[in-house]
Amino acid sequence: MSATTGLADREPLPNYLAPVPKTIEDLGLRFAWLVVAINLAGTVFGFWYYSGQFAATPAAMWPWVPDSPMATLLIALAIAAWKLGHELPWLTALAFFGNIILGLWTPYTLLVFYETYAAQTHPLMFQFLFWSHLAMVVQAFVLHRITDFPVWGVAVATVWYASNLIVDYFIPVLEGPHGVHHTTIPVAQDASMFLGADALGVVAAGEVTFTLLALFLALATAVKKCQVAREQS
């Protein structure tokens, strides 16, 4: 614990696991309740943004539809639990996975379908969606300061986001818009893209990649933290 900030000391993790400068990490953790409030505001906006898709999706599948607002809700709850002295590793892992996956998937999708989105979306909304989602990645990389990512917590997040992949792209348990539950894309799912892939395959490839990335980063952080603890003991 740092005597000057009252925060847990930053462990010597590699830059690829802790790319956010310590001063920014400290700032975010000192103003944790503001971060919680901002994420809750983003959650409310996100649920409004998905209102049309909710209306076209069976209610039983609603938890799998609003991916980004669910991610911001999870990180708000995870940080709030930590501030109240009850950090929940499974919740923090869910928040980490969600903010890495959706924080990268949305900008990726906006760029893949740039011409269509640029024509259909107000420029300010496009920029807001792009940069606000990248900010989700930044805040995810601060969570190593409040959790050790135990394997069982990572397992919970892996199961949830694996189920999300399944119902989004492979087995729509109950029919949603166009037979899927992921965020609707602005072109037909079978539209030809590149390397022989259709549009659905391209967005699926992105989400699978980012899910594997989140899994690697969480487990690598857990391993490095164990190594540091052994070296310091």
C-alpha atoms as a PDB file:
ATOM      1  CA  MET A   1       0.000   0.000   0.000  1.00  0.00           C
ATOM      2  CA  SER A   2       1.385   3.380  -0.988  1.00  0.00           C
ATOM      3  CA  ALA A   3       1.604   5.783   1.927  1.00  0.00           C
ATOM      4  CA  THR A   4       1.140   8.766  -0.379  1.00  0.00           C
ATOM      5  CA  THR A   5      -1.889   7.626  -2.346  1.00  0.00           C
ATOM      6  CA  GLY A   6      -3.516   5.026  -0.107  1.00  0.00           C
ATOM      7  CA  LEU A   7      -3.669   2.685  -3.111  1.00  0.00           C
ATOM      8  CA  ALA A   8      -2.206  -0.752  -3.590  1.00  0.00           C
ATOM      9  CA  ASP A   9       1.305  -0.566  -4.984  1.00  0.00           C
ATOM     10  CA  ARG A  10       1.674  -1.285  -8.682  1.00  0.00           C
ATOM     11  CA  GLU A  11       3.370  -4.618  -9.229  1.00  0.00           C
ATOM     12  CA  PRO A  12       6.203  -4.794 -11.796  1.00  0.00           C
ATOM     13  CA  LEU A  13       4.207  -6.271 -14.664  1.00  0.00           C
ATOM     14  CA  PRO A  14       5.392  -6.213 -18.292  1.00  0.00           C
ATOM     15  CA  ASN A  15       4.190  -3.282 -20.380  1.00  0.00           C
ATOM     16  CA  TYR A  16       1.911  -5.487 -22.468  1.00  0.00           C
ATOM     17  CA  LEU A  17      -0.024  -6.369 -19.301  1.00  0.00           C
ATOM     18  CA  ALA A  18       0.073  -2.900 -17.720  1.00  0.00           C
ATOM     19  CA  PRO A  19       0.349  -0.394 -20.598  1.00  0.00           C
ATOM     20  CA  VAL A  20      -1.448   2.443 -18.787  1.00  0.00           C
ATOM     21  CA  PRO A  21       0.959   4.867 -17.041  1.00  0.00           C
ATOM     22  CA  LYS A  22       0.909   4.560 -13.247  1.00  0.00           C
ATOM     23  CA  THR A  23      -0.141   8.194 -12.802  1.00  0.00           C
ATOM     24  CA  ILE A  24      -3.280   7.548 -14.863  1.00  0.00           C
ATOM     25  CA  GLU A  25      -3.972   4.296 -13.015  1.00  0.00           C
ATOM     26  CA  ASP A  26      -3.679   6.123  -9.693  1.00  0.00           C
ATOM     27  CA  LEU A  27      -5.930   8.914 -10.921  1.00  0.00           C
ATOM     28  CA  GLY A  28      -8.614   6.486 -12.028  1.00  0.00           C
ATOM     29  CA  LEU A  29      -8.509   4.580  -8.752  1.00  0.00           C
ATOM     30  CA  ARG A  30      -8.527   7.722  -6.603  1.00  0.00           C
ATOM     31  CA  PHE A  31     -11.627   8.937  -8.449  1.00  0.00           C
ATOM     32  CA  ALA A  32     -13.161   5.481  -8.620  1.00  0.00           C
ATOM     33  CA  TRP A  33     -16.696   6.647  -7.835  1.00  0.00           C
ATOM     34  CA  LEU A  34     -16.534   9.102 -10.747  1.00  0.00           C
ATOM     35  CA  VAL A  35     -15.415   6.227 -12.996  1.00  0.00           C
ATOM     36  CA  VAL A  36     -18.360   4.194 -11.687  1.00  0.00           C
ATOM     37  CA  ALA A  37     -20.765   7.049 -12.453  1.00  0.00           C
ATOM     38  CA  ILE A  38     -19.400   7.523 -15.978  1.00  0.00           C
ATOM     39  CA  ASN A  39     -19.766   3.820 -16.707  1.00  0.00           C
ATOM     40  CA  LEU A  40     -23.307   3.769 -15.356  1.00  0.00           C
ATOM     41  CA  ALA A  41     -24.157   6.713 -17.610  1.00  0.00           C
ATOM     42  CA  GLY A  42     -22.661   4.793 -20.527  1.00  0.00           C
ATOM     43  CA  THR A  43     -24.736   1.785 -19.542  1.00  0.00           C
ATOM     44  CA  VAL A  44     -27.959   3.798 -19.621  1.00  0.00           C
ATOM     45  CA  PHE A  45     -27.034   5.230 -23.039  1.00  0.00           C
ATOM     46  CA  GLY A  46     -26.141   1.758 -24.290  1.00  0.00           C
ATOM     47  CA  PHE A  47     -29.433   0.211 -23.242  1.00  0.00           C
ATOM     48  CA  TRP A  48     -31.235   3.063 -25.006  1.00  0.00           C
ATOM     49  CA  TYR A  49     -29.064   2.468 -28.093  1.00  0.00           C
ATOM     50  CA  TYR A  50     -30.099  -1.203 -28.128  1.00  0.00           C
ATOM     51  CA  SER A  51     -33.806  -0.539 -27.528  1.00  0.00           C
ATOM     52  CA  GLY A  52     -34.773  -1.386 -31.108  1.00  0.00           C
ATOM     53  CA  GLN A  53     -32.880  -4.659 -31.025  1.00  0.00           C
ATOM     54  CA  PHE A  54     -34.462  -5.565 -27.681  1.00  0.00           C
ATOM     55  CA  ALA A  55     -37.876  -5.164 -29.244  1.00  0.00           C
ATOM     56  CA  ALA A  56     -37.003  -7.691 -31.966  1.00  0.00           C
ATOM     57  CA  THR A  57     -35.335 -10.237 -29.645  1.00  0.00           C
ATOM     58  CA  PRO A  58     -37.037 -12.812 -27.356  1.00  0.00           C
ATOM     59  CA  ALA A  59     -36.837 -11.569 -23.765  1.00  0.00           C
ATOM     60  CA  ALA A  60     -35.009 -14.729 -22.646  1.00  0.00           C
ATOM     61  CA  MET A  61     -32.038 -13.712 -24.823  1.00  0.00           C
ATOM     62  CA  TRP A  62     -31.825 -10.085 -23.700  1.00  0.00           C
ATOM     63  CA  PRO A  63     -28.763 -10.657 -21.426  1.00  0.00           C
ATOM     64  CA  TRP A  64     -26.736 -11.591 -24.534  1.00  0.00           C
ATOM     65  CA  VAL A  65     -27.791  -8.617 -26.660  1.00  0.00           C
ATOM     66  CA  PRO A  66     -26.428  -5.360 -25.115  1.00  0.00           C
ATOM     67  CA  ASP A  67     -22.761  -6.371 -25.082  1.00  0.00           C
ATOM     68  CA  SER A  68     -21.123  -2.968 -24.585  1.00  0.00           C
ATOM     69  CA  PRO A  69     -23.529  -1.613 -21.941  1.00  0.00           C
ATOM     70  CA  MET A  70     -23.254  -4.920 -20.086  1.00  0.00           C
ATOM     71  CA  ALA A  71     -19.468  -4.480 -20.095  1.00  0.00           C
ATOM     72  CA  THR A  72     -19.688  -0.954 -18.672  1.00  0.00           C
ATOM     73  CA  LEU A  73     -22.216  -2.131 -16.075  1.00  0.00           C
ATOM     74  CA  LEU A  74     -19.881  -4.966 -15.051  1.00  0.00           C
ATOM     75  CA  ILE A  75     -16.890  -2.674 -14.584  1.00  0.00           C
ATOM     76  CA  ALA A  76     -18.999  -0.173 -12.638  1.00  0.00           C
ATOM     77  CA  LEU A  77     -20.132  -2.966 -10.308  1.00  0.00           C
ATOM     78  CA  ALA A  78     -16.625  -4.431 -10.023  1.00  0.00           C
ATOM     79  CA  ILE A  79     -15.039  -1.108  -9.073  1.00  0.00           C
ATOM     80  CA  ALA A  80     -17.885  -0.281  -6.694  1.00  0.00           C
ATOM     81  CA  ALA A  81     -17.478  -3.662  -4.970  1.00  0.00           C
ATOM     82  CA  TRP A  82     -13.737  -3.023  -4.598  1.00  0.00           C
ATOM     83  CA  LYS A  83     -14.312   0.467  -3.168  1.00  0.00           C
ATOM     84  CA  LEU A  84     -16.736  -1.006  -0.644  1.00  0.00           C
ATOM     85  CA  GLY A  85     -14.068  -3.499   0.456  1.00  0.00           C
ATOM     86  CA  HIS A  86     -15.564  -6.573  -1.199  1.00  0.00           C
ATOM     87  CA  GLU A  87     -13.658  -7.138  -4.435  1.00  0.00           C
ATOM     88  CA  LEU A  88     -15.244 -10.046  -6.315  1.00  0.00           C
ATOM     89  CA  PRO A  89     -12.691 -11.755  -8.573  1.00  0.00           C
ATOM     90  CA  TRP A  90     -15.320 -13.317 -10.847  1.00  0.00           C
ATOM     91  CA  LEU A  91     -17.003  -9.939 -11.338  1.00  0.00           C
ATOM     92  CA  THR A  92     -13.698  -8.174 -11.978  1.00  0.00           C
ATOM     93  CA  ALA A  93     -12.735 -10.871 -14.503  1.00  0.00           C
ATOM     94  CA  LEU A  94     -16.085 -10.462 -16.279  1.00  0.00           C
ATOM     95  CA  ALA A  95     -15.500  -6.706 -16.397  1.00  0.00           C
ATOM     96  CA  PHE A  96     -11.980  -7.178 -17.764  1.00  0.00           C
ATOM     97  CA  PHE A  97     -13.116  -9.564 -20.507  1.00  0.00           C
ATOM     98  CA  GLY A  98     -16.086  -7.405 -21.465  1.00  0.00           C
ATOM     99  CA  ASN A  99     -14.157  -4.169 -21.705  1.00  0.00           C
ATOM    100  CA  ILE A 100     -11.285  -5.722 -23.674  1.00  0.00           C
ATOM    101  CA  ILE A 101     -13.565  -7.608 -26.075  1.00  0.00           C
ATOM    102  CA  LEU A 102     -16.162  -4.923 -26.729  1.00  0.00           C
ATOM    103  CA  GLY A 103     -13.718  -2.061 -26.385  1.00  0.00           C
ATOM    104  CA  LEU A 104     -11.841  -3.512 -29.362  1.00  0.00           C
ATOM    105  CA  TRP A 105     -14.675  -5.161 -31.305  1.00  0.00           C
ATOM    106  CA  THR A 106     -16.741  -2.011 -31.760  1.00  0.00           C
ATOM    107  CA  PRO A 107     -13.924   0.156 -33.255  1.00  0.00           C
ATOM    108  CA  TYR A 108     -12.904  -2.864 -35.343  1.00  0.00           C
ATOM    109  CA  THR A 109     -16.442  -3.197 -36.699  1.00  0.00           C
ATOM    110  CA  LEU A 110     -16.765   0.533 -37.304  1.00  0.00           C
ATOM    111  CA  LEU A 111     -13.597   0.415 -39.397  1.00  0.00           C
ATOM    112  CA  VAL A 112     -14.533  -2.791 -41.262  1.00  0.00           C
ATOM    113  CA  PHE A 113     -17.813  -1.208 -42.371  1.00  0.00           C
ATOM    114  CA  TYR A 114     -16.488   2.342 -42.364  1.00  0.00           C
ATOM    115  CA  GLU A 115     -18.135   3.537 -45.591  1.00  0.00           C
ATOM    116  CA  THR A 116     -21.560   2.251 -44.567  1.00  0.00           C
ATOM    117  CA  TYR A 117     -21.353   3.486 -40.987  1.00  0.00           C
ATOM    118  CA  ALA A 118     -20.002   6.868 -42.108  1.00  0.00           C
ATOM    119  CA  ALA A 119     -22.982   7.263 -44.424  1.00  0.00           C
ATOM    120  CA  GLN A 120     -25.558   6.160 -41.822  1.00  0.00           C
ATOM    121  CA  THR A 121     -24.124   7.645 -38.609  1.00  0.00           C
ATOM    122  CA  HIS A 122     -23.651  11.273 -37.621  1.00  0.00           C
ATOM    123  CA  PRO A 123     -19.907  12.048 -37.553  1.00  0.00           C
ATOM    124  CA  LEU A 124     -20.036  13.018 -33.868  1.00  0.00           C
ATOM    125  CA  MET A 125     -21.797   9.778 -32.959  1.00  0.00           C
ATOM    126  CA  PHE A 126     -19.263   7.793 -34.979  1.00  0.00           C
ATOM    127  CA  GLN A 127     -16.368   9.468 -33.162  1.00  0.00           C
ATOM    128  CA  PHE A 128     -18.087   9.033 -29.794  1.00  0.00           C
ATOM    129  CA  LEU A 129     -18.649   5.316 -30.359  1.00  0.00           C
ATOM    130  CA  PHE A 130     -15.095   4.800 -31.621  1.00  0.00           C
ATOM    131  CA  TRP A 131     -13.187   6.600 -28.863  1.00  0.00           C
ATOM    132  CA  SER A 132     -15.489   5.750 -25.955  1.00  0.00           C
ATOM    133  CA  HIS A 133     -15.043   2.068 -26.695  1.00  0.00           C
ATOM    134  CA  LEU A 134     -11.262   2.395 -26.861  1.00  0.00           C
ATOM    135  CA  ALA A 135     -11.495   4.077 -23.441  1.00  0.00           C
ATOM    136  CA  MET A 136     -13.103   0.848 -22.214  1.00  0.00           C
ATOM    137  CA  VAL A 137      -9.881  -0.972 -23.083  1.00  0.00           C
ATOM    138  CA  VAL A 138      -7.852   1.585 -21.125  1.00  0.00           C
ATOM    139  CA  GLN A 139      -9.926   1.142 -17.981  1.00  0.00           C
ATOM    140  CA  ALA A 140      -9.769  -2.648 -18.316  1.00  0.00           C
ATOM    141  CA  PHE A 141      -5.987  -2.437 -18.078  1.00  0.00           C
ATOM    142  CA  VAL A 142      -6.294  -0.752 -14.672  1.00  0.00           C
ATOM    143  CA  LEU A 143      -8.136  -3.697 -13.106  1.00  0.00           C
ATOM    144  CA  HIS A 144      -4.900  -5.580 -12.356  1.00  0.00           C
ATOM    145  CA  ARG A 145      -4.504  -3.113  -9.461  1.00  0.00           C
ATOM    146  CA  ILE A 146      -7.576  -4.515  -7.697  1.00  0.00           C
ATOM    147  CA  THR A 147      -7.505  -8.259  -8.498  1.00  0.00           C
ATOM    148  CA  ASP A 148      -5.123 -11.188  -8.956  1.00  0.00           C
ATOM    149  CA  PHE A 149      -7.293 -12.840 -11.643  1.00  0.00           C
ATOM    150  CA  PRO A 150      -7.599 -16.238  -9.919  1.00  0.00           C
ATOM    151  CA  VAL A 151      -8.164 -19.086 -12.350  1.00  0.00           C
ATOM    152  CA  TRP A 152     -11.695 -19.745 -11.124  1.00  0.00           C
ATOM    153  CA  GLY A 153     -12.635 -16.103 -11.707  1.00  0.00           C
ATOM    154  CA  VAL A 154     -11.175 -16.193 -15.201  1.00  0.00           C
ATOM    155  CA  ALA A 155     -13.093 -19.440 -15.782  1.00  0.00           C
ATOM    156  CA  VAL A 156     -16.389 -17.697 -14.985  1.00  0.00           C
ATOM    157  CA  ALA A 157     -15.615 -14.945 -17.493  1.00  0.00           C
ATOM    158  CA  THR A 158     -14.491 -17.463 -20.107  1.00  0.00           C
ATOM    159  CA  VAL A 159     -17.713 -19.476 -19.812  1.00  0.00           C
ATOM    160  CA  TRP A 160     -19.877 -16.364 -20.083  1.00  0.00           C
ATOM    161  CA  TYR A 161     -18.118 -14.865 -23.078  1.00  0.00           C
ATOM    162  CA  ALA A 162     -17.842 -18.259 -24.785  1.00  0.00           C
ATOM    163  CA  SER A 163     -21.623 -18.555 -24.472  1.00  0.00           C
ATOM    164  CA  ASN A 164     -21.865 -15.057 -25.919  1.00  0.00           C
ATOM    165  CA  LEU A 165     -19.864 -16.141 -28.973  1.00  0.00           C
ATOM    166  CA  ILE A 166     -22.012 -19.228 -29.418  1.00  0.00           C
ATOM    167  CA  VAL A 167     -25.361 -17.443 -29.408  1.00  0.00           C
ATOM    168  CA  ASP A 168     -24.006 -14.475 -31.386  1.00  0.00           C
ATOM    169  CA  TYR A 169     -22.527 -16.350 -34.303  1.00  0.00           C
ATOM    170  CA  PHE A 170     -22.979 -20.103 -34.189  1.00  0.00           C
ATOM    171  CA  ILE A 171     -26.135 -21.385 -32.480  1.00  0.00           C
ATOM    172  CA  PRO A 172     -28.895 -18.768 -32.027  1.00  0.00           C
ATOM    173  CA  VAL A 173     -30.753 -20.436 -29.145  1.00  0.00           C
ATOM    174  CA  LEU A 174     -33.822 -18.326 -29.790  1.00  0.00           C
ATOM    175  CA  GLU A 175     -34.212 -16.345 -32.981  1.00  0.00           C
ATOM    176  CA  GLY A 176     -33.138 -12.726 -32.743  1.00  0.00           C
ATOM    177  CA  PRO A 177     -32.905 -10.070 -35.473  1.00  0.00           C
ATOM    178  CA  HIS A 178     -31.660 -11.796 -38.617  1.00  0.00           C
ATOM    179  CA  GLY A 179     -31.258 -15.017 -36.617  1.00  0.00           C
ATOM    180  CA  VAL A 180     -28.467 -13.747 -34.342  1.00  0.00           C
ATOM    181  CA  HIS A 181     -28.042 -11.819 -31.096  1.00  0.00           C
ATOM    182  CA  HIS A 182     -24.900  -9.761 -31.687  1.00  0.00           C
ATOM    183  CA  THR A 183     -25.029  -6.057 -32.418  1.00  0.00           C
ATOM    184  CA  THR A 184     -26.661  -5.677 -35.812  1.00  0.00           C
ATOM    185  CA  ILE A 185     -24.240  -4.877 -38.620  1.00  0.00           C
ATOM    186  CA  PRO A 186     -25.064  -2.428 -41.435  1.00  0.00           C
ATOM    187  CA  VAL A 187     -24.793  -4.941 -44.302  1.00  0.00           C
ATOM    188  CA  ALA A 188     -26.261  -8.344 -45.078  1.00  0.00           C
ATOM    189  CA  GLN A 189     -24.624 -11.144 -43.113  1.00  0.00           C
ATOM    190  CA  ASP A 190     -23.706 -12.990 -46.311  1.00  0.00           C
ATOM    191  CA  ALA A 191     -22.260  -9.911 -48.024  1.00  0.00           C
ATOM    192  CA  SER A 192     -18.879 -10.767 -49.537  1.00  0.00           C
ATOM    193  CA  MET A 193     -15.991  -9.059 -47.767  1.00  0.00           C
ATOM    194  CA  PHE A 194     -12.353 -10.076 -48.188  1.00  0.00           C
ATOM    195  CA  LEU A 195     -10.286 -13.279 -48.184  1.00  0.00           C
ATOM    196  CA  GLY A 196     -13.448 -15.125 -49.147  1.00  0.00           C
ATOM    197  CA  ALA A 197     -15.227 -14.284 -45.886  1.00  0.00           C
ATOM    198  CA  ASP A 198     -18.747 -12.972 -45.566  1.00  0.00           C
ATOM    199  CA  ALA A 199     -19.684 -10.064 -43.287  1.00  0.00           C
ATOM    200  CA  LEU A 200     -20.802 -12.281 -40.405  1.00  0.00           C
ATOM    201  CA  GLY A 201     -17.555 -14.246 -40.603  1.00  0.00           C
ATOM    202  CA  VAL A 202     -15.485 -11.072 -40.463  1.00  0.00           C
ATOM    203  CA  VAL A 203     -17.167  -9.723 -37.330  1.00  0.00           C
ATOM    204  CA  ALA A 204     -17.148 -13.179 -35.741  1.00  0.00           C
ATOM    205  CA  ALA A 205     -13.408 -13.502 -36.394  1.00  0.00           C
ATOM    206  CA  GLY A 206     -12.849 -10.198 -34.627  1.00  0.00           C
ATOM    207  CA  GLU A 207     -14.830 -11.166 -31.530  1.00  0.00           C
ATOM    208  CA  VAL A 208     -13.236 -14.615 -31.291  1.00  0.00           C
ATOM    209  CA  THR A 209      -9.776 -13.028 -31.553  1.00  0.00           C
ATOM    210  CA  PHE A 210     -10.510 -10.436 -28.867  1.00  0.00           C
ATOM    211  CA  THR A 211     -11.993 -13.084 -26.560  1.00  0.00           C
ATOM    212  CA  LEU A 212      -8.822 -15.168 -26.847  1.00  0.00           C
ATOM    213  CA  LEU A 213      -6.777 -12.016 -26.250  1.00  0.00           C
ATOM    214  CA  ALA A 214      -8.705 -11.232 -23.051  1.00  0.00           C
ATOM    215  CA  LEU A 215      -8.214 -14.810 -21.847  1.00  0.00           C
ATOM    216  CA  PHE A 216      -4.469 -14.657 -22.531  1.00  0.00           C
ATOM    217  CA  LEU A 217      -4.040 -11.277 -20.830  1.00  0.00           C
ATOM    218  CA  ALA A 218      -5.978 -12.321 -17.714  1.00  0.00           C
ATOM    219  CA  LEU A 219      -4.068 -15.586 -17.291  1.00  0.00           C
ATOM    220  CA  ALA A 220      -0.717 -13.967 -18.109  1.00  0.00           C
ATOM    221  CA  THR A 221      -1.402 -11.316 -15.456  1.00  0.00           C
ATOM    222  CA  ALA A 222      -2.225 -14.014 -12.913  1.00  0.00           C
ATOM    223  CA  VAL A 223       1.003 -15.887 -13.716  1.00  0.00           C
ATOM    224  CA  LYS A 224       3.167 -12.759 -13.543  1.00  0.00           C
ATOM    225  CA  LYS A 225       1.607 -11.737 -10.234  1.00  0.00           C
ATOM    226  CA  CYS A 226       2.416 -15.176  -8.809  1.00  0.00           C
ATOM    227  CA  GLN A 227       6.005 -14.854 -10.031  1.00  0.00           C
ATOM    228  CA  VAL A 228       6.348 -11.434  -8.433  1.00  0.00           C
ATOM    229  CA  ALA A 229       4.900 -12.706  -5.140  1.00  0.00           C
ATOM    230  CA  ARG A 230       7.389 -15.607  -5.084  1.00  0.00           C
ATOM    231  CA  GLU A 231      10.319 -13.303  -5.836  1.00  0.00           C
ATOM    232  CA  GLN A 232       9.313 -10.924  -3.061  1.00  0.00           C
ATOM    233  CA  SER A 233       8.700 -13.622  -0.452  1.00  0.00           C
END
